[in-house]
Amino acid sequence: MIRFYIILLAITFTCTSLMGQVKLPVATNFKKAYSNHTRDTSGKPGKAYWQNKATYNINVTLDPATRNLSGKVTINYVNNSPDTLKQILFKLYPNLYQSQAMRNMPVSAEDLTDGVYIQSLSVNKQIVDSKKQAIRGTNMFVKGITVLPGKQVQLEVVYDYQVNKTSFIRTGQVDSGAFMLAYFFPRVAVYDDIDGWNDYPYIGKEEFYNDFCDFDVNITLPGKYQCWATGNLTNTDEVYNPKFAKRIKAAMNSDSITDVITLSDIQSGAITKAKPTNTWNFKAENVSDFAFAISNHYVWKASSLVVDPATKRRTRVDAVYNPQHKSYEPVISYARKTVELISYKIPGIPFPYPHETIFDGLDAMEYPMMVNNLPFAPGAETIEFTAHEIFHTLLPFFVGTNETKYSFMDEGWATFSEFTLLNEIDPQIADYYDISDVNNSAGTDQDVPIMTLTPQLYGKARFSDKDLKPALGFRYIKEMLGDQLFYKAFNHYISIWQGKHPTPYDFFGCMNQGAGQNLNWFWKNWFFENNTADLAIKNVKHQHNKYSVTVTRVGDGIVPVHLKVFYNDGSTQIINRSIACWQIGNKSIQLSFNTKKPVKRIVLGTSYDVDVNPKNNTWDN
């Protein structure tokens, strides 16, 4: 017996040592960051970590009738890097609709334009010759600028462009009296310690990577339009008539739902000050983007809640929508509940912003403090998309992940929120999520590892690899660690990287550190390798009252083991093993149970377990 325990101890030590030796493959540009001490292998920012920042003063005028947007943006840009910048790269995101621009999404011919017209560009109040401006799609390179380390430069751009009427890709006209305006101003691209300038062009499908900046934005609109935007409205009394200013204030301090603007209010008019135009001023600090929405015929429901019990800080939640879209009516409740769950349970971080506004648009897209959601079908779909887009508040906005390169770092979490928050918001809805996209694409020539750069993802595996597979991986780790430890690790990552730009390696390291476990065996198998998950019931042995079930790992992918035993009397039994059962690289495990009742059938897997071949998942007695 003593010898047995010595052997068992030796095996355990060997397996633990092997798992501790699992190392993740690291690309050379990340190795350079470690040697420069801007990143640390623990997942924390290195002692020399830096990131650049800017303040934006923006003045824009939008004419809904002509769809012309004109503006001036003044940018005070600080170079916190150790490098001398010899050019400035601007992002001109509206150039997605430029007739000559590259795109991987279709655009209607009527929306094609000449793109953003740069009327003037100055550096430290000196006009820059247009010959030094090279516009290539959504990138504008400005040569002949030198910004030394630790120095600041003032940039000013006067510009205009035509807002798209159709071909709504995250921004544009919603209907004749409603617009969602995003990416509407020239901005300085991210310059970071991994890649230098973020010169990935915006071509439609891929999303964004922006620095944390401060914004002071004036938006001039026709008098009957209302405006909602990132940040705080600073001049409520100047743009709203007193009755509505009072309602907005009441909503900010009330747990109940306030009808700020009703259908009868719209029909009566006199919501805003009776002037030809009103200028709306919004301010936001330390956010990665700014977006605004306008309408002259939308209703507005609002509520608020305490998101931080320590400080009693409140967040206002808004639903702004076309009153003809009845499926939008419960959205205010879904949105409020999502903010509550984020603040107190999943993951339990006080919602970081003063408001979250859900706007009825033509897409499903997130912006800081703003969401643009279609009027989805009532029920699960509306809840899932509301939760998904609001959860993006944490990633990529509170934690500034690079959506362009590694969209799984935010889309994976937002998709995870769909099947995690759904039953919390409405327990009556069945706990089911369609993962067929993963099973149908896994193992095909289009399937690639999750760590593949997002611009390289195409075909039917794209959604699986950037959204669903990472979300399922997070679910499997949560099951293994338990909710308390899992969210502790997640909160550790968020607390370390809030307001900063983490890489996937920073995320993996922080989760390991926060959980107090080296999870590299899981990250490597699930995120870095292109494995196919296929579990099978190999055999079932029955002797006396004991059943022994052997489950084999036919594919190299790892997933939890969930057995459901069906008895002849109609009763069932669940037997589970977390994904840790494959930690040492084994290809099979045995599960045993005792019963005096006759067993009718044993089924392997749940609706959340990836398995490309369910035919080998059933044993019939």
Foldseek 3Di string as FASTA:
>chain_A
DVVVVVVVVVVVVVLQVVLVPQDDDDDPLVVVCCVVQCADLLLFGGPLNDWKEKEKEKEWEAELVQQKIWIKIKIKIWAQDQDKDQKFKKFQPQLLLAPPAAAPDDDDPVSHDNGKDWPFKDKQPHTAPCVQWDDHRRIIIGGRDIAHHGGIIMMMTTIMDGFGDDPDQVWGAFDSFKTKFWSHDMDTATAGSRPGGPPDHCHGDFDFFFAFYKYKYKYKYFLLKDKDKFADFPPLPQWFPPQLSVQVVVQLPAQDKTFSFDQVCLVVGRGTPPDRMDIIIGIDGGWGTMIMMMGNGWTKMKHKAQLDVVVSQMAMEMETEHVVLVLSVCLRLLLRVLQNCVCCVVLNNRQDGRYAYEYAGDDAAEGASYTHDHSDDHDLVSSLSSNLRSQCNLPCIQFPEGRQFQVLVRQQVSNLRSLVCRCVSPVVDDSFDAPVLCLVCAPDPLFDFLNGTLVVHDDSCNCVSRHVLSSLLLVLVCVVLPSVQSSQLVVQLSVSRGSHYGDVSSSQSSSCVSSVHNPSLSCCQRHVGRKAFAKFFPDWDDDQFKIKTKIFGPIQHFAWKWKWWAFPVGDIDIDTDGSCVCSSPDGMDMDMDGDPTHTAKMFIDDNSTHHNDRPRGMDGD
